[in-house]
Amino acid sequence: MIREIIFSTSNKKGNFHMAPFGITIKGKDLIIAPFRPSKTLDNLLENPVGVMNYTDDAYLYAALVVGKGKYKVFPAKKIKGFVLKGSLAHSEVRVIRIKDDSTRPRLYLKKVYEKTHKPFQGFNRAQSAIIEVSVLISRLGILPFGEISKQIAIHKSCVDKTAGPREIAAWKLLMNRFNQFIKKRKKK
């Protein structure tokens, strides 16, 4: 199973970075597999701890993917790291093993602290669509363009039918990035 979260890391100087990530869960193993190059990977190799932030704010996934994420943080309790303010819960983790790979290394994580901040109220279909399209937008230039276009069209109907104002704003951010990619592609 892959669980979508907002992962926060920091380097040894304390500069932090937030990025949406899918964490693979296999039994008791938690695995993060960032593509190279990656700020998250660089930070984890320098400072092998991070925070898995669980949030129902789909807008934040979209904003972080397109480089417009604005968020507040507070210090983690057991590691040198940062927790996303407003998250529903978080898990502080430590890298315990690395399976190196030239394209996508796998880093095995161990939870060292976990805290619930507020209850989960459920997703609407637009929020789920925003998260899925955020993943697709993050893979522009990696996945086949036709596949991404097809999936965006499918998810658009969920957004059209069930989105609130925050999801509509998130969709606009993602579509602006997608349209920029299309324009660059046409120029080539």
Protein backbone atom coordinates (compact mmCIF):
# COMPACT_ATOMS: atom_id res chain seq x y z
CA MET A 1 0.00 0.00 0.00
CA ILE A 2 1.13 3.55 -0.69
CA ARG A 3 -0.04 6.34 1.59
CA GLU A 4 0.16 9.94 0.33
CA ILE A 5 1.60 12.34 2.90
CA ILE A 6 3.47 15.62 3.12
CA PHE A 7 7.06 14.76 4.05
CA SER A 8 9.23 17.32 5.78
CA THR A 9 13.00 17.10 5.97
CA SER A 10 15.80 19.44 6.91
CA ASN A 11 19.51 19.65 6.30
CA LYS A 12 22.09 19.93 9.08
CA LYS A 13 21.80 23.73 8.96
CA GLY A 14 18.10 23.46 9.82
CA ASN A 15 16.76 24.58 6.43
CA PHE A 16 13.57 22.61 5.92
CA HIS A 17 11.80 21.29 2.85
CA MET A 18 8.23 20.02 2.39
CA ALA A 19 7.11 17.77 -0.45
CA PRO A 20 4.18 15.47 -1.16
CA PHE A 21 5.32 11.86 -1.14
CA GLY A 22 3.91 8.38 -1.39
CA ILE A 23 5.18 6.25 1.47
CA THR A 24 5.12 2.52 0.74
CA ILE A 25 3.91 0.39 3.63
CA LYS A 26 4.92 -3.28 3.53
CA GLY A 27 4.14 -4.98 6.81
CA LYS A 28 6.08 -2.99 9.40
CA ASP A 29 8.34 -1.37 6.78
CA LEU A 30 7.89 2.27 5.79
CA ILE A 31 9.74 3.06 2.57
CA ILE A 32 10.30 6.38 0.83
CA ALA A 33 11.73 6.21 -2.70
CA PRO A 34 12.57 9.67 -4.05
CA PHE A 35 13.77 10.04 -7.63
CA ARG A 36 17.25 11.50 -8.15
CA PRO A 37 17.82 14.44 -8.03
CA SER A 38 15.68 15.33 -5.01
CA LYS A 39 15.97 17.86 -2.21
CA THR A 40 14.20 15.35 0.05
CA LEU A 41 16.83 12.72 -0.74
CA ASP A 42 19.70 15.18 -0.23
CA ASN A 43 18.29 16.18 3.16
CA LEU A 44 17.71 12.58 4.28
CA LEU A 45 21.27 11.62 3.37
CA GLU A 46 22.63 14.62 5.30
CA ASN A 47 20.19 14.47 8.24
CA PRO A 48 18.51 11.03 8.28
CA VAL A 49 15.23 12.03 9.93
CA GLY A 50 11.92 13.41 8.70
CA VAL A 51 8.28 13.95 9.51
CA MET A 52 5.37 12.25 7.80
CA ASN A 53 2.54 14.83 7.98
CA TYR A 54 -0.99 13.51 7.47
CA THR A 55 -3.30 16.20 6.13
CA ASP A 56 -6.67 16.45 4.43
CA ASP A 57 -5.70 19.74 2.77
CA ALA A 58 -5.54 18.74 -0.91
CA TYR A 59 -4.67 22.33 -1.84
CA LEU A 60 -1.33 21.95 -0.05
CA TYR A 61 -0.41 18.91 -2.18
CA ALA A 62 -1.08 20.91 -5.35
CA ALA A 63 0.67 24.05 -4.12
CA LEU A 64 3.80 22.16 -3.10
CA VAL A 65 3.97 20.33 -6.44
CA VAL A 66 3.89 23.60 -8.38
CA GLY A 67 6.27 25.40 -6.01
CA LYS A 68 3.72 27.72 -4.41
CA GLY A 69 3.31 25.99 -1.05
CA LYS A 70 2.89 28.32 1.91
CA TYR A 71 2.74 26.67 5.29
CA LYS A 72 3.67 27.06 8.93
CA VAL A 73 5.65 24.56 10.96
CA PHE A 74 6.60 23.85 14.54
CA PRO A 75 9.54 21.83 15.93
CA ALA A 76 9.27 18.05 16.06
CA LYS A 77 9.34 16.44 19.50
CA LYS A 78 11.87 13.58 19.18
CA ILE A 79 13.94 14.46 16.10
CA LYS A 80 15.61 17.54 14.64
CA GLY A 81 12.83 18.34 12.19
CA PHE A 82 9.60 20.21 11.59
CA VAL A 83 5.89 19.36 11.76
CA LEU A 84 3.31 20.90 9.42
CA LYS A 85 1.01 23.15 11.45
CA GLY A 86 -2.61 22.19 10.84
CA SER A 87 -1.84 18.56 10.04
CA LEU A 88 -4.26 15.96 11.36
CA ALA A 89 -1.41 13.85 12.72
CA HIS A 90 2.28 13.28 12.20
CA SER A 91 4.91 10.57 12.56
CA GLU A 92 8.52 11.44 13.25
CA VAL A 93 10.80 8.95 11.49
CA ARG A 94 14.44 7.97 11.25
CA VAL A 95 16.20 6.35 8.27
CA ILE A 96 17.34 2.88 9.37
CA ARG A 97 18.51 1.43 6.05
CA ILE A 98 19.18 2.55 2.48
CA LYS A 99 18.89 0.38 -0.61
CA ASP A 100 20.84 2.48 -3.10
CA ASP A 101 19.80 2.86 -6.72
CA SER A 102 21.07 5.25 -9.40
CA THR A 103 17.54 6.41 -10.25
CA ARG A 104 15.36 5.86 -7.19
CA PRO A 105 16.95 4.69 -3.94
CA ARG A 106 14.74 3.20 -1.25
CA LEU A 107 15.08 4.51 2.27
CA TYR A 108 13.58 2.43 5.07
CA LEU A 109 12.09 4.45 7.90
CA LYS A 110 11.26 3.73 11.53
CA LYS A 111 8.68 5.70 13.51
CA VAL A 112 10.14 7.21 16.66
CA TYR A 113 7.16 9.35 17.68
CA GLU A 114 3.56 9.74 16.59
CA LYS A 115 0.88 12.28 17.52
CA THR A 116 -2.72 12.89 16.49
CA HIS A 117 -3.75 16.55 16.45
CA LYS A 118 -7.37 16.51 15.26
CA PRO A 119 -9.89 14.06 13.78
CA PHE A 120 -10.09 13.18 10.10
CA GLN A 121 -13.44 14.28 8.64
CA GLY A 122 -13.18 12.36 5.37
CA PHE A 123 -12.30 13.28 1.80
CA ASN A 124 -14.63 14.40 -0.93
CA ARG A 125 -13.95 13.11 -4.42
CA ALA A 126 -12.41 16.42 -5.52
CA GLN A 127 -9.77 16.21 -2.79
CA SER A 128 -8.83 12.70 -3.88
CA ALA A 129 -8.69 13.87 -7.51
CA ILE A 130 -6.46 16.83 -6.57
CA ILE A 131 -4.01 14.52 -4.80
CA GLU A 132 -3.92 12.10 -7.75
CA VAL A 133 -3.45 14.89 -10.31
CA SER A 134 -0.73 16.42 -8.12
CA VAL A 135 1.16 13.13 -8.43
CA LEU A 136 0.66 13.19 -12.21
CA ILE A 137 1.82 16.81 -12.53
CA SER A 138 4.93 15.95 -10.51
CA ARG A 139 5.71 13.34 -13.17
CA LEU A 140 5.37 15.54 -16.26
CA GLY A 141 8.26 14.63 -18.53
CA ILE A 142 8.58 11.23 -16.84
CA LEU A 143 5.25 9.54 -17.63
CA PRO A 144 3.81 9.48 -21.17
CA PHE A 145 2.02 12.77 -21.90
CA GLY A 146 -1.06 11.03 -23.33
CA GLU A 147 -1.50 8.99 -20.16
CA ILE A 148 -1.33 12.11 -17.99
CA SER A 149 -3.81 13.98 -20.24
CA LYS A 150 -6.27 11.09 -20.13
CA GLN A 151 -6.11 10.84 -16.33
CA ILE A 152 -6.54 14.59 -15.89
CA ALA A 153 -9.71 14.48 -18.02
CA ILE A 154 -11.10 11.66 -15.88
CA HIS A 155 -10.36 13.46 -12.60
CA LYS A 156 -11.76 16.78 -13.85
CA SER A 157 -15.34 15.52 -13.56
CA CYS A 158 -14.81 14.75 -9.84
CA VAL A 159 -13.56 18.28 -9.28
CA ASP A 160 -16.42 19.78 -11.30
CA LYS A 161 -19.02 17.86 -9.29
CA THR A 162 -17.69 17.95 -5.72
CA ALA A 163 -15.09 20.71 -5.25
CA GLY A 164 -15.29 23.51 -2.74
CA PRO A 165 -13.41 26.81 -3.15
CA ARG A 166 -10.09 25.43 -1.90
CA GLU A 167 -10.21 22.47 -4.29
CA ILE A 168 -11.12 24.77 -7.20
CA ALA A 169 -8.08 26.92 -6.38
CA ALA A 170 -5.90 23.78 -6.21
CA TRP A 171 -7.20 22.58 -9.58
CA LYS A 172 -6.36 25.96 -11.14
CA LEU A 173 -2.78 25.75 -9.83
CA LEU A 174 -2.37 22.28 -11.31
CA MET A 175 -3.94 23.19 -14.65
CA ASN A 176 -1.74 26.30 -14.92
CA ARG A 177 1.33 24.08 -14.51
CA PHE A 178 -0.08 21.54 -16.99
CA ASN A 179 -0.78 24.28 -19.57
CA GLN A 180 2.73 25.70 -19.13
CA PHE A 181 4.10 22.23 -19.84
CA ILE A 182 1.95 21.96 -22.98
CA LYS A 183 3.21 25.35 -24.26
CA LYS A 184 6.85 24.34 -23.72
CA ARG A 185 6.19 21.02 -25.42
CA LYS A 186 4.70 22.74 -28.50
CA LYS A 187 7.76 25.00 -28.84
CA LYS A 188 10.06 21.99 -29.18
